[in-house]
Protein backbone atom coordinates (compact mmCIF):
# COMPACT_ATOMS: atom_id res chain seq x y z
CA MET A 1 67.70 89.22 53.04
CA THR A 2 65.42 87.49 50.53
CA THR A 3 63.60 88.91 47.54
CA THR A 4 60.36 88.35 49.46
CA ASP A 5 61.64 90.53 52.31
CA ARG A 6 62.59 93.31 49.92
CA THR A 7 59.20 93.15 48.21
CA ALA A 8 57.44 93.38 51.58
CA TRP A 9 59.61 96.32 52.65
CA ARG A 10 58.95 98.15 49.39
CA ALA A 11 55.21 97.64 49.82
CA ALA A 12 55.46 99.01 53.37
CA LEU A 13 57.42 102.03 52.10
CA ASP A 14 54.84 102.74 49.44
CA ARG A 15 52.01 102.55 51.98
CA ARG A 16 53.79 105.03 54.25
CA ALA A 17 54.41 107.35 51.31
CA ARG A 18 50.69 107.80 50.60
CA THR A 19 49.82 111.16 52.11
CA THR A 20 47.06 112.40 49.79
CA GLY A 21 43.64 111.18 48.71
CA LEU A 22 41.52 108.60 50.46
CA ARG A 23 44.45 106.32 51.26
CA GLY A 24 46.34 109.16 52.91
CA LEU A 25 43.24 110.11 54.92
CA ALA A 26 42.77 106.51 56.00
CA GLN A 27 46.39 106.37 57.19
CA ARG A 28 45.95 109.55 59.24
CA LEU A 29 42.77 108.19 60.81
CA ARG A 30 44.48 104.89 61.69
CA HIS A 31 47.58 106.57 63.11
CA PRO A 32 46.55 110.06 64.31
CA VAL A 33 49.35 110.49 66.86
CA ARG A 34 52.13 109.36 64.55
CA THR A 35 50.95 111.29 61.51
CA CYS A 36 49.44 114.45 63.02
CA TYR A 37 50.93 115.09 66.46
CA PRO A 38 52.73 117.25 67.39
CA SER A 39 51.40 119.74 64.86
CA SER A 40 53.73 121.33 62.33
CA ARG A 41 53.19 124.74 63.96
CA ALA A 42 54.10 123.44 67.42
CA LEU A 43 57.19 121.69 66.07
CA ARG A 44 58.30 124.84 64.27
CA ARG A 45 58.00 126.92 67.45
CA ARG A 46 59.96 124.35 69.45
CA ARG A 47 62.63 124.18 66.75
CA HIS A 48 63.11 127.96 66.78
CA ARG A 49 63.39 127.95 70.56
CA GLY A 50 66.06 125.27 70.43
CA GLU A 51 63.97 122.81 72.40
CA GLY A 52 64.23 119.10 71.88
CA ARG A 53 64.07 115.70 73.48
CA PRO A 54 65.05 112.13 72.61
CA SER A 55 62.19 109.99 71.45
CA ALA A 56 61.63 106.80 69.51
CA ALA A 57 60.18 105.94 66.13
CA ARG A 58 59.75 102.87 63.98
CA THR A 59 60.95 102.80 60.41
CA PHE A 60 58.74 101.62 57.57
CA TRP A 61 60.27 98.14 57.91
CA GLY A 62 59.71 98.01 61.68
CA GLN A 63 63.15 98.90 63.06
CA GLU A 64 63.13 101.00 66.23
CA MET A 65 65.24 104.16 66.00
CA THR A 66 66.13 106.88 68.47
CA ILE A 67 65.12 110.29 67.14
CA ALA A 68 65.38 113.88 68.40
CA LEU A 69 62.13 115.81 67.99
CA PRO A 70 61.54 118.53 66.78
CA GLU A 71 64.47 118.10 64.35
CA GLU A 72 63.01 117.71 60.85
CA VAL A 73 64.54 114.33 59.90
CA SER A 74 63.21 113.04 63.21
CA VAL A 75 59.77 114.45 62.41
CA ALA A 76 59.76 112.58 59.09
CA LEU A 77 60.69 109.35 60.86
CA HIS A 78 58.09 109.92 63.56
CA ARG A 79 55.30 110.54 61.05
CA ARG A 80 56.20 108.39 58.07
CA GLY A 81 59.02 106.03 59.04
CA PHE A 82 61.34 107.07 56.21
CA VAL A 83 63.34 109.97 54.79
CA ASP A 84 63.53 110.78 51.05
CA TYR A 85 61.39 108.21 49.25
CA ASP A 86 63.53 108.11 46.08
CA LEU A 87 66.87 107.39 47.71
CA THR A 88 65.28 104.97 50.18
CA ALA A 89 63.61 103.02 47.38
CA PHE A 90 66.86 102.92 45.40
CA LEU A 91 68.85 101.51 48.31
CA LEU A 92 66.11 99.00 49.01
CA SER A 93 66.26 97.74 45.43
CA HIS A 94 70.02 97.84 44.88
CA LEU A 95 72.05 97.22 48.03
CA ARG A 96 73.04 93.57 48.26
CA PRO A 97 73.95 91.45 51.29
CA GLY A 98 77.67 91.66 52.06
CA ALA A 99 78.16 95.10 50.50
CA THR A 100 80.29 97.88 52.01
CA VAL A 101 78.69 101.31 52.46
CA LEU A 102 80.20 104.63 53.57
CA ASP A 103 77.62 107.05 54.97
CA VAL A 104 79.20 110.52 54.81
CA GLY A 105 77.16 112.95 56.89
CA ALA A 106 75.25 110.26 58.77
CA HIS A 107 73.39 112.69 61.07
CA ILE A 108 71.16 110.59 63.40
CA GLY A 109 71.69 107.48 61.29
CA TYR A 110 68.63 106.77 59.13
CA TYR A 111 70.68 105.70 56.09
CA THR A 112 73.21 103.98 58.34
CA VAL A 113 70.46 101.83 59.84
CA LEU A 114 68.81 101.14 56.47
CA ALA A 115 72.12 100.18 54.88
CA ALA A 116 73.05 97.95 57.83
CA ALA A 117 69.73 96.13 57.58
CA LEU A 118 70.16 95.62 53.83
CA VAL A 119 73.81 94.48 53.75
CA GLY A 120 73.27 92.14 56.68
CA PRO A 121 75.78 90.67 59.15
CA GLY A 122 78.26 89.96 56.36
CA GLY A 123 78.31 93.57 55.20
CA THR A 124 80.08 96.70 56.43
CA VAL A 125 78.75 100.18 57.13
CA ARG A 126 80.81 103.18 58.26
CA ALA A 127 78.92 106.26 59.46
CA PHE A 128 80.85 109.57 59.47
CA GLU A 129 79.47 112.36 61.67
CA PRO A 130 81.31 115.19 63.51
CA THR A 131 78.67 116.90 65.69
CA PRO A 132 78.93 115.76 69.35
CA SER A 133 75.20 116.07 70.16
CA THR A 134 74.18 114.26 66.97
CA LEU A 135 76.76 111.55 67.61
CA THR A 136 74.94 110.55 70.78
CA VAL A 137 71.79 109.66 68.83
CA LEU A 138 73.74 108.15 65.91
CA ARG A 139 75.67 105.81 68.23
CA ARG A 140 72.44 104.53 69.76
CA ASN A 141 71.05 103.72 66.35
CA ALA A 142 74.20 102.26 64.79
CA GLY A 143 74.90 100.29 67.97
CA ARG A 144 72.00 97.98 67.15
CA PHE A 145 74.03 96.54 64.25
CA PRO A 146 77.44 94.86 64.72
CA GLN A 147 78.24 95.53 61.05
CA ALA A 148 77.91 99.31 61.54
CA ARG A 149 80.60 101.52 63.06
CA VAL A 150 80.50 105.24 63.80
CA VAL A 151 83.49 107.41 62.83
CA PRO A 152 83.38 110.68 64.86
CA ALA A 153 84.95 112.90 62.21
CA ALA A 154 84.11 115.24 59.35
CA VAL A 155 85.01 113.95 55.91
CA TRP A 156 87.26 116.42 54.10
CA SER A 157 90.02 116.56 51.49
CA ARG A 158 92.76 115.71 54.00
CA ARG A 159 93.39 114.91 57.65
CA ASP A 160 93.14 118.12 59.64
CA GLU A 161 91.05 120.00 62.19
CA LEU A 162 88.04 121.95 61.02
CA VAL A 163 85.74 124.52 62.60
CA LEU A 164 82.08 123.68 62.08
CA TYR A 165 78.88 125.34 63.30
CA ASP A 166 76.24 123.67 65.43
CA HIS A 167 72.76 125.13 64.86
CA GLY A 168 71.11 123.42 67.80
CA LEU A 169 69.11 120.24 68.03
CA GLY A 170 66.22 121.49 65.91
CA TYR A 171 68.47 122.38 62.97
CA SER A 172 71.22 119.79 63.41
CA ALA A 173 70.71 118.49 59.86
CA TYR A 174 72.22 121.81 58.68
CA ASN A 175 75.39 121.77 60.81
CA SER A 176 78.30 122.61 58.54
CA ALA A 177 81.66 124.24 58.04
CA PHE A 178 79.74 126.74 55.89
CA GLU A 179 76.65 128.82 56.55
CA ALA A 180 73.47 126.79 56.95
CA ARG A 181 71.51 125.88 53.83
CA LEU A 182 68.52 127.81 55.15
CA PRO A 183 66.74 131.05 54.25
CA GLU A 184 68.40 134.11 55.75
CA ALA A 185 65.31 134.80 57.89
CA VAL A 186 65.80 131.43 59.57
CA ARG A 187 69.61 131.61 59.76
CA SER A 188 69.42 134.91 61.62
CA ARG A 189 67.32 133.49 64.47
CA ILE A 190 68.93 130.11 65.19
CA PRO A 191 72.11 129.28 67.16
CA SER A 192 75.40 129.01 65.31
CA ASP A 193 77.93 127.75 67.83
CA PRO A 194 81.43 126.91 66.54
CA PHE A 195 83.12 123.64 67.45
CA THR A 196 86.28 121.91 66.25
CA ALA A 197 86.28 118.43 64.73
CA GLU A 198 88.91 116.13 63.32
CA THR A 199 88.71 115.50 59.61
CA VAL A 200 89.50 112.45 57.51
CA ALA A 201 89.90 111.85 53.78
CA LEU A 202 88.10 108.78 52.47
CA ASP A 203 91.15 107.58 50.52
CA ASP A 204 93.20 107.55 53.72
CA TYR A 205 90.43 105.90 55.70
CA ILE A 206 89.73 102.99 53.34
CA ARG A 207 93.47 102.38 52.93
CA ALA A 208 93.92 102.13 56.70
CA GLU A 209 90.81 99.97 57.14
CA GLY A 210 91.34 97.77 54.07
CA LEU A 211 87.89 98.53 52.66
CA ALA A 212 86.59 98.48 49.09
CA PRO A 213 83.25 100.36 49.20
CA ASP A 214 80.37 99.48 46.91
CA LEU A 215 78.41 102.64 47.71
CA VAL A 216 79.30 106.06 49.13
CA LYS A 217 76.41 108.28 50.25
CA ILE A 218 77.45 111.94 50.56
CA ASP A 219 75.32 114.54 52.33
CA ALA A 220 77.96 116.94 53.65
CA GLU A 221 76.14 120.29 53.81
CA SER A 222 78.17 122.29 51.25
CA ALA A 223 81.42 120.34 51.82
CA GLU A 224 80.82 117.93 48.93
CA ALA A 225 83.68 119.30 46.80
CA HIS A 226 86.13 118.69 49.66
CA VAL A 227 84.80 115.17 50.17
CA LEU A 228 85.29 114.39 46.47
CA ALA A 229 88.81 115.84 46.55
CA GLY A 230 89.68 113.38 49.32
CA MET A 231 88.38 110.33 47.44
CA ARG A 232 90.16 110.57 44.09
CA GLY A 233 91.74 107.16 44.69
CA LEU A 234 88.32 105.66 45.36
CA LEU A 235 87.00 107.05 42.10
CA THR A 236 89.83 105.46 40.11
CA GLY A 237 90.25 102.25 42.16
CA PRO A 238 87.24 100.53 43.78
CA ARG A 239 84.94 102.89 41.82
CA PRO A 240 81.84 102.67 44.03
CA VAL A 241 78.44 104.02 43.16
CA VAL A 242 78.14 107.54 44.63
CA SER A 243 74.97 109.16 45.95
CA LEU A 244 75.49 112.92 46.10
CA GLU A 245 73.24 115.64 47.47
CA VAL A 246 73.16 118.77 45.30
CA GLY A 247 71.32 122.06 45.68
CA ASP A 248 72.31 125.60 44.68
CA LEU A 249 71.32 127.80 47.62
CA GLY A 250 73.94 130.52 47.27
CA VAL A 251 76.12 129.36 50.15
CA ALA A 252 79.38 131.33 50.20
CA GLY A 253 82.37 129.12 49.35
CA ALA A 254 80.28 126.18 48.14
CA PRO A 255 80.59 125.30 44.43
CA ALA A 256 77.52 124.98 42.26
CA GLY A 257 75.91 121.59 41.79
CA ARG A 258 76.99 121.58 38.14
CA THR A 259 80.63 121.79 39.27
CA LEU A 260 80.18 118.68 41.41
CA VAL A 261 78.50 116.85 38.55
CA ASP A 262 81.35 117.82 36.20
CA THR A 263 83.93 116.62 38.76
CA LEU A 264 82.43 113.14 38.80
CA THR A 265 81.85 112.92 35.05
CA ALA A 266 85.51 113.94 34.53
CA ALA A 267 86.42 110.95 36.72
CA GLY A 268 84.64 108.60 34.31
CA TYR A 269 81.27 108.47 36.04
CA GLU A 270 77.83 108.82 34.49
CA PRO A 271 75.05 110.75 36.30
CA TRP A 272 71.65 109.25 37.08
CA GLU A 273 68.56 110.77 38.65
CA LEU A 274 65.83 109.02 40.59
CA ARG A 275 62.22 108.87 39.49
CA ALA A 276 59.98 107.02 41.95
CA GLY A 277 63.13 105.33 43.22
CA THR A 278 64.21 104.14 39.77
CA PRO A 279 67.51 105.41 38.28
CA VAL A 280 67.27 107.03 34.85
CA PRO A 281 70.08 108.77 32.90
CA HIS A 282 70.52 112.39 33.98
CA ARG A 283 71.24 115.36 31.73
CA PRO A 284 73.43 117.87 33.66
CA ARG A 285 71.77 121.19 34.39
CA ASP A 286 73.14 124.66 35.07
CA HIS A 287 71.15 125.04 38.30
CA TYR A 288 70.02 122.49 40.86
CA ALA A 289 67.33 122.56 43.49
CA TYR A 290 67.64 120.03 46.32
CA GLU A 291 68.15 116.56 44.86
CA ASN A 292 70.09 113.35 45.40
CA LEU A 293 71.89 112.29 42.22
CA LEU A 294 73.58 108.96 41.60
CA PHE A 295 76.87 108.40 39.80
CA ALA A 296 78.05 105.05 38.46
CA PRO A 297 81.22 104.16 36.54
CA ALA A 298 80.71 104.73 32.82
CA GLY A 299 79.15 101.70 31.15
CA HIS A 300 77.76 100.25 34.39
CA ARG A 301 74.00 100.22 34.52
CA LEU A 302 72.30 100.59 37.86
CA ALA A 303 70.32 97.37 37.59
CA PRO A 304 68.09 96.28 40.50
CA HIS A 305 69.41 93.86 43.08
CA GLU A 306 69.31 90.12 42.42
CA GLU A 307 69.90 87.68 45.26
CA ALA A 308 72.73 85.83 43.55
CA GLY A 309 73.88 88.74 41.43
CA PRO A 310 76.78 91.19 41.51
CA PRO A 311 77.14 94.39 43.53
CA CYS A 312 75.04 97.42 42.74
CA THR A 313 77.77 98.84 40.48
CA THR A 314 77.06 96.35 37.70
């Protein structure tokens, strides 16, 4: 991928991100079905009823993806073609061709597909996802890229079997071994069906596969501490950049975001936060709302990608 391609993709992302003012109105008028239909109220009713159907969307860079409306990540892809502007913009600027990416908690595969497109045929992407129904959609999306492989397992501190809870298609982004990161009023009205999945520790996996990851994206729905416990070797050996979802929502058994931040800083990592997709040094807080933080080995600046330059960890 050339610098020109990345510039064009970033411009496309920024256009899709405009949802207010005259530019946002113009976008809704140009694309009324994509941006306004189905309505948020209709989607919410369908989500509560557990309804859903496979559909298709195009990402901001033009890649076709299978989605599962009315699930909320799918809604974002249907309407805007991206999920989480900040993390998307960071990956677009920093992931180089040939890099190795581990997508922990891949869900339907948005970040798997984005990473595969950015690292190119010479790169490697591994997408970890345990939920059987979600795996069907993920496999369709990852299957478009030879460099991407799906691992049907939950990432944990060790190899084992784990009971997780499936909250139905509409709330599949919240499937977890813990209670859903949702308000109690919502949790009480949605399915919560237990299923058993195999688990894998990242240290064991990369040793068996002979991988040296450049980036690990972790979105494990309250299991982040267990994921980190199973990648101690990674944090002292290959030392990849880590993207970590935090958010203190009072989930029983899940440590506070500050505990996760302290775990990584104790391993010699420095925290960064994203502002308009640009990493800036982060000052640890005692409480975290939903946010994706970045962690890089101490002394390594998260400089933007250069075509002939080093991996994103330098």
